[in-house]
């Protein structure tokens, strides 16, 4: 029989893997279609002043989150960073809703093809799962510290 501890560890690993796959996919998509990504960011009235920086910074941050999630010692920080980024992306999508229905999403790949409502639901759902992962990872780390 699986213990609560093991179930939490598996949940955290699954959420980490899902986040890694998502961020790896978006990093590759953004870099593979860099000029399109740059153009989409430049179309946003909010992001346009920062387009040159963001076109490199976003993929770099996403890649760093992948590394954090892969390293057991840094997994909690990776979950915090992933959750924060998903919340920020969700807030950005909400702002886009209010500003202009035609502004393109600069998320990369197939994700940018989602209608904004579905994209928002996906982002919020992932952020909630990552938040649960944060809670579980903290409990896992506390349990491991108590046992050593």
Protein backbone atom coordinates (compact mmCIF):
# COMPACT_ATOMS: atom_id res chain seq x y z
CA UNK A 1 0.00 0.00 0.00
CA UNK A 2 1.24 3.46 -0.90
CA UNK A 3 1.73 5.92 1.93
CA UNK A 4 0.57 9.54 1.90
CA UNK A 5 4.21 10.54 1.66
CA UNK A 6 4.72 8.47 -1.50
CA UNK A 7 1.50 9.80 -3.06
CA UNK A 8 2.66 13.36 -2.43
CA UNK A 9 6.09 12.61 -3.92
CA UNK A 10 4.47 11.12 -7.03
CA UNK A 11 2.11 14.11 -7.35
CA UNK A 12 5.04 16.55 -7.10
CA UNK A 13 7.01 14.58 -9.69
CA UNK A 14 4.06 14.45 -12.10
CA UNK A 15 3.42 18.20 -11.76
CA UNK A 16 7.14 18.86 -12.21
CA UNK A 17 7.25 16.72 -15.36
CA UNK A 18 4.15 18.41 -16.80
CA UNK A 19 5.69 21.83 -16.08
CA UNK A 20 9.03 20.79 -17.59
CA UNK A 21 7.35 19.55 -20.76
CA UNK A 22 5.24 22.71 -21.05
CA UNK A 23 8.16 25.09 -20.53
CA UNK A 24 10.50 23.07 -22.77
CA UNK A 25 7.88 23.09 -25.51
CA UNK A 26 7.32 26.85 -25.24
CA UNK A 27 11.07 27.62 -25.09
CA UNK A 28 11.70 25.59 -28.23
CA UNK A 29 8.68 27.15 -29.99
CA UNK A 30 9.72 30.68 -29.09
CA UNK A 31 13.30 30.20 -30.18
CA UNK A 32 12.41 28.25 -33.33
CA UNK A 33 10.10 31.05 -34.42
CA UNK A 34 12.02 33.86 -32.79
CA UNK A 35 11.02 36.56 -35.29
CA UNK A 36 7.32 35.67 -34.92
CA UNK A 37 7.67 35.65 -31.13
CA UNK A 38 9.40 39.05 -31.22
CA UNK A 39 6.74 40.46 -33.53
CA UNK A 40 3.88 39.22 -31.31
CA UNK A 41 5.42 40.78 -28.22
CA UNK A 42 5.98 44.03 -30.11
CA UNK A 43 2.25 44.11 -31.01
CA UNK A 44 1.27 44.20 -27.35
CA UNK A 45 0.84 47.75 -26.07
CA UNK A 46 1.91 46.52 -22.62
CA UNK A 47 4.99 44.56 -23.68
CA UNK A 48 6.12 46.54 -26.74
CA UNK A 49 8.54 48.81 -24.82
CA UNK A 50 10.24 45.68 -23.43
CA UNK A 51 10.06 43.49 -26.55
CA UNK A 52 13.81 43.29 -27.16
CA UNK A 53 14.51 42.21 -23.58
CA UNK A 54 11.50 39.92 -23.21
CA UNK A 55 12.21 37.93 -26.36
CA UNK A 56 15.37 36.63 -24.69
CA UNK A 57 14.37 36.91 -21.04
CA UNK A 58 11.18 34.80 -21.21
CA UNK A 59 12.79 31.74 -22.83
CA UNK A 60 15.76 32.08 -20.49
CA UNK A 61 13.52 32.21 -17.40
CA UNK A 62 11.49 29.24 -18.66
CA UNK A 63 14.71 27.29 -19.26
CA UNK A 64 15.99 28.14 -15.77
CA UNK A 65 12.69 26.92 -14.30
CA UNK A 66 13.17 23.62 -16.15
CA UNK A 67 16.62 23.24 -14.58
CA UNK A 68 15.28 24.07 -11.10
CA UNK A 69 12.51 21.47 -11.49
CA UNK A 70 15.02 18.82 -12.58
CA UNK A 71 17.26 19.30 -9.54
CA UNK A 72 15.78 17.71 -6.40
CA UNK A 73 17.49 20.22 -4.11
CA UNK A 74 15.97 23.15 -6.07
CA UNK A 75 12.57 21.64 -6.95
CA UNK A 76 10.66 23.79 -4.45
CA UNK A 77 12.14 26.96 -5.97
CA UNK A 78 11.28 25.65 -9.41
CA UNK A 79 7.68 25.07 -8.38
CA UNK A 80 7.47 28.58 -6.92
CA UNK A 81 8.93 30.06 -10.12
CA UNK A 82 6.67 27.98 -12.39
CA UNK A 83 3.57 28.90 -10.41
CA UNK A 84 4.52 32.58 -10.36
CA UNK A 85 5.11 32.61 -14.11
CA UNK A 86 1.78 30.88 -14.78
CA UNK A 87 -0.02 33.44 -12.60
CA UNK A 88 1.73 36.29 -14.42
CA UNK A 89 0.84 34.78 -17.80
CA UNK A 90 -2.78 34.41 -16.63
CA UNK A 91 -2.90 38.04 -15.54
CA UNK A 92 -1.47 39.08 -18.90
CA UNK A 93 -4.15 37.09 -20.74
CA UNK A 94 -6.84 38.78 -18.63
CA UNK A 95 -5.43 42.19 -19.52
CA UNK A 96 -5.41 41.22 -23.20
CA UNK A 97 -9.08 40.25 -22.88
CA UNK A 98 -9.87 43.75 -21.70
CA UNK A 99 -7.68 45.60 -24.21
CA UNK A 100 -8.19 43.98 -27.57
CA UNK A 101 -9.63 40.67 -28.70
CA UNK A 102 -7.29 40.55 -31.69
CA UNK A 103 -3.94 40.89 -29.93
CA UNK A 104 -1.95 37.68 -30.52
CA UNK A 105 -0.69 35.44 -27.78
CA UNK A 106 3.09 35.09 -27.73
CA UNK A 107 3.13 31.78 -25.88
CA UNK A 108 4.54 29.72 -28.70
CA UNK A 109 3.49 26.65 -30.59
CA UNK A 110 0.10 25.02 -30.31
CA UNK A 111 -0.69 26.79 -27.03
CA UNK A 112 -1.06 30.12 -28.82
CA UNK A 113 -3.76 28.51 -30.98
CA UNK A 114 -6.02 27.99 -27.97
CA UNK A 115 -8.89 30.41 -27.53
CA UNK A 116 -8.06 32.82 -24.71
CA UNK A 117 -10.65 31.38 -22.36
CA UNK A 118 -9.19 27.88 -22.73
CA UNK A 119 -5.68 29.27 -22.44
CA UNK A 120 -6.63 31.06 -19.23
CA UNK A 121 -8.23 27.91 -17.82
CA UNK A 122 -5.10 25.91 -18.70
CA UNK A 123 -2.82 28.48 -17.04
CA UNK A 124 -4.93 28.79 -13.89
CA UNK A 125 -5.28 25.00 -13.65
CA UNK A 126 -1.52 24.54 -13.93
CA UNK A 127 -0.87 27.31 -11.40
CA UNK A 128 -3.26 25.63 -8.94
CA UNK A 129 -1.59 22.24 -9.45
CA UNK A 130 1.83 23.84 -9.00
CA UNK A 131 0.59 25.55 -5.81
CA UNK A 132 -0.50 22.15 -4.47
CA UNK A 133 2.90 20.82 -5.56
CA UNK A 134 4.57 23.59 -3.53
CA UNK A 135 2.56 22.61 -0.44
CA UNK A 136 3.38 18.92 -0.88
CA UNK A 137 7.07 19.59 -1.62
CA UNK A 138 7.35 21.63 1.59
CA UNK A 139 5.78 18.73 3.53
CA UNK A 140 8.12 16.25 1.84
CA UNK A 141 11.18 18.35 2.70
CA UNK A 142 10.01 18.77 6.32
CA UNK A 143 9.47 15.02 6.65
CA UNK A 144 12.91 14.28 5.19
CA UNK A 145 14.56 16.79 7.55
CA UNK A 146 12.83 15.23 10.55
CA UNK A 147 14.10 11.79 9.54
CA UNK A 148 17.74 12.91 9.32
